[in-house]
C-alpha atoms as a PDB file:
ATOM      1  CA  MET A   1     -19.372 -47.840 -55.611  1.00  0.00           C
ATOM      2  CA  SER A   2     -23.146 -48.112 -55.213  1.00  0.00           C
ATOM      3  CA  THR A   3     -25.091 -50.748 -53.368  1.00  0.00           C
ATOM      4  CA  PRO A   4     -28.435 -52.022 -54.647  1.00  0.00           C
ATOM      5  CA  SER A   5     -31.280 -50.767 -52.487  1.00  0.00           C
ATOM      6  CA  LYS A   6     -33.552 -53.758 -53.055  1.00  0.00           C
ATOM      7  CA  MET A   7     -32.843 -57.417 -52.580  1.00  0.00           C
ATOM      8  CA  GLY A   8     -32.286 -59.086 -55.934  1.00  0.00           C
ATOM      9  CA  ALA A   9     -31.474 -55.856 -57.767  1.00  0.00           C
ATOM     10  CA  GLY A  10     -28.758 -56.535 -60.283  1.00  0.00           C
ATOM     11  CA  ASN A  11     -29.426 -60.252 -59.963  1.00  0.00           C
ATOM     12  CA  SER A  12     -31.034 -62.176 -62.814  1.00  0.00           C
ATOM     13  CA  ALA A  13     -33.001 -64.315 -60.302  1.00  0.00           C
ATOM     14  CA  GLY A  14     -34.648 -61.215 -58.778  1.00  0.00           C
ATOM     15  CA  PRO A  15     -37.715 -61.130 -61.055  1.00  0.00           C
ATOM     16  CA  LEU A  16     -38.275 -64.875 -60.601  1.00  0.00           C
ATOM     17  CA  LEU A  17     -38.502 -64.800 -56.814  1.00  0.00           C
ATOM     18  CA  PRO A  18     -42.071 -63.388 -56.507  1.00  0.00           C
ATOM     19  CA  GLY A  19     -43.356 -66.047 -58.912  1.00  0.00           C
ATOM     20  CA  ILE A  20     -41.591 -68.810 -57.015  1.00  0.00           C
ATOM     21  CA  ALA A  21     -42.927 -67.514 -53.698  1.00  0.00           C
ATOM     22  CA  ARG A  22     -46.467 -67.370 -55.094  1.00  0.00           C
ATOM     23  CA  GLY A  23     -46.202 -70.915 -56.447  1.00  0.00           C
ATOM     24  CA  LEU A  24     -44.949 -72.248 -53.133  1.00  0.00           C
ATOM     25  CA  SER A  25     -47.712 -70.508 -51.194  1.00  0.00           C
ATOM     26  CA  LEU A  26     -50.334 -72.000 -53.533  1.00  0.00           C
ATOM     27  CA  ALA A  27     -48.757 -75.455 -53.247  1.00  0.00           C
ATOM     28  CA  ALA A  28     -48.888 -75.601 -49.435  1.00  0.00           C
ATOM     29  CA  ALA A  29     -52.631 -76.150 -48.842  1.00  0.00           C
ATOM     30  CA  PRO A  30     -53.152 -78.948 -51.396  1.00  0.00           C
ATOM     31  CA  THR A  31     -49.953 -80.675 -50.300  1.00  0.00           C
ATOM     32  CA  PHE A  32     -51.054 -80.730 -46.665  1.00  0.00           C
ATOM     33  CA  ALA A  33     -54.562 -81.887 -47.694  1.00  0.00           C
ATOM     34  CA  VAL A  34     -53.086 -84.845 -49.593  1.00  0.00           C
ATOM     35  CA  MET A  35     -50.829 -85.658 -46.644  1.00  0.00           C
ATOM     36  CA  ALA A  36     -53.861 -85.582 -44.310  1.00  0.00           C
ATOM     37  CA  ALA A  37     -55.780 -87.964 -46.587  1.00  0.00           C
ATOM     38  CA  LEU A  38     -52.824 -90.335 -46.877  1.00  0.00           C
ATOM     39  CA  SER A  39     -52.160 -90.447 -43.150  1.00  0.00           C
ATOM     40  CA  ALA A  40     -55.887 -90.925 -42.416  1.00  0.00           C
ATOM     41  CA  SER A  41     -56.140 -93.816 -44.872  1.00  0.00           C
ATOM     42  CA  ASP A  42     -53.001 -95.642 -43.695  1.00  0.00           C
ATOM     43  CA  PRO A  43     -52.939 -96.450 -39.956  1.00  0.00           C
ATOM     44  CA  ALA A  44     -49.251 -97.373 -40.173  1.00  0.00           C
ATOM     45  CA  ALA A  45     -48.428 -93.791 -41.194  1.00  0.00           C
ATOM     46  CA  ASP A  46     -49.602 -92.564 -37.782  1.00  0.00           C
ATOM     47  CA  MET A  47     -47.390 -94.947 -35.810  1.00  0.00           C
ATOM     48  CA  ILE A  48     -44.804 -92.262 -35.091  1.00  0.00           C
ATOM     49  CA  CYS A  49     -47.417 -90.148 -33.282  1.00  0.00           C
ATOM     50  CA  SER A  50     -48.882 -92.872 -31.108  1.00  0.00           C
ATOM     51  CA  MET A  51     -47.525 -93.713 -27.687  1.00  0.00           C
ATOM     52  CA  GLY A  52     -44.541 -96.035 -27.828  1.00  0.00           C
ATOM     53  CA  GLY A  53     -45.225 -97.013 -31.418  1.00  0.00           C
ATOM     54  CA  MET A  54     -48.416 -98.834 -30.383  1.00  0.00           C
ATOM     55  CA  PRO A  55     -51.612 -97.821 -32.187  1.00  0.00           C
ATOM     56  CA  MET A  56     -54.170 -96.113 -29.981  1.00  0.00           C
ATOM     57  CA  HIS A  57     -57.293 -98.242 -29.545  1.00  0.00           C
ATOM     58  CA  GLY A  58     -60.551 -96.536 -30.416  1.00  0.00           C
ATOM     59  CA  ALA A  59     -58.782 -93.573 -31.996  1.00  0.00           C
ATOM     60  CA  SER A  60     -60.445 -91.950 -34.952  1.00  0.00           C
ATOM     61  CA  ALA A  61     -58.832 -91.913 -38.384  1.00  0.00           C
ATOM     62  CA  PHE A  62     -58.492 -88.137 -38.018  1.00  0.00           C
ATOM     63  CA  SER A  63     -56.308 -88.103 -34.942  1.00  0.00           C
ATOM     64  CA  GLY A  64     -52.603 -87.485 -34.713  1.00  0.00           C
ATOM     65  CA  MET A  65     -50.871 -86.620 -37.970  1.00  0.00           C
ATOM     66  CA  ALA A  66     -54.057 -86.523 -40.069  1.00  0.00           C
ATOM     67  CA  ALA A  67     -55.533 -83.832 -37.819  1.00  0.00           C
ATOM     68  CA  MET A  68     -52.286 -81.870 -37.826  1.00  0.00           C
ATOM     69  CA  TYR A  69     -52.031 -81.964 -41.635  1.00  0.00           C
ATOM     70  CA  GLY A  70     -55.703 -80.996 -41.934  1.00  0.00           C
ATOM     71  CA  LEU A  71     -55.178 -77.963 -39.720  1.00  0.00           C
ATOM     72  CA  MET A  72     -52.032 -76.985 -41.603  1.00  0.00           C
ATOM     73  CA  SER A  73     -53.996 -77.172 -44.850  1.00  0.00           C
ATOM     74  CA  LEU A  74     -56.648 -74.833 -43.402  1.00  0.00           C
ATOM     75  CA  PHE A  75     -54.032 -72.383 -42.152  1.00  0.00           C
ATOM     76  CA  HIS A  76     -52.412 -72.225 -45.609  1.00  0.00           C
ATOM     77  CA  VAL A  77     -55.618 -71.744 -47.628  1.00  0.00           C
ATOM     78  CA  GLY A  78     -55.297 -67.913 -47.581  1.00  0.00           C
ATOM     79  CA  PRO A  79     -53.518 -67.552 -50.933  1.00  0.00           C
ATOM     80  CA  TRP A  80     -56.202 -69.720 -52.576  1.00  0.00           C
ATOM     81  CA  LEU A  81     -58.969 -67.564 -51.086  1.00  0.00           C
ATOM     82  CA  ARG A  82     -57.258 -64.412 -52.375  1.00  0.00           C
ATOM     83  CA  LEU A  83     -56.868 -65.981 -55.824  1.00  0.00           C
ATOM     84  CA  MET A  84     -60.520 -67.110 -55.977  1.00  0.00           C
ATOM     85  CA  GLY A  85     -61.700 -63.809 -54.536  1.00  0.00           C
ATOM     86  CA  GLY A  86     -60.477 -61.986 -57.603  1.00  0.00           C
ATOM     87  CA  GLU A  87     -57.598 -60.180 -55.949  1.00  0.00           C
ATOM     88  CA  GLY A  88     -55.306 -61.851 -58.441  1.00  0.00           C
ATOM     89  CA  GLY A  89     -52.816 -63.077 -55.896  1.00  0.00           C
ATOM     90  CA  PHE A  90     -50.227 -60.944 -54.238  1.00  0.00           C
ATOM     91  CA  ARG A  91     -49.641 -57.257 -54.636  1.00  0.00           C
ATOM     92  CA  ARG A  92     -46.257 -56.185 -55.846  1.00  0.00           C
ATOM     93  CA  SER A  93     -44.596 -53.391 -53.952  1.00  0.00           C
END
């Protein structure tokens, strides 16, 4: 009895997993950017992050959740930079 040495070997879903992973990594940055724009445009969306459910007076539109989503979008832009840089995405091992 032999055991497959690689994860997904002998499994029909094995070849699909790298494509799915690449798609998810490319979807992260735009998704977080849209979420940042939506939470910046709707003050009610930021209610969960303000103290006691009361909106913070004098707070900028880019505080709370909008800032967090903006930062998350920046942190997940790496796959897009690799794609635009001509690397062609991820290397297969």
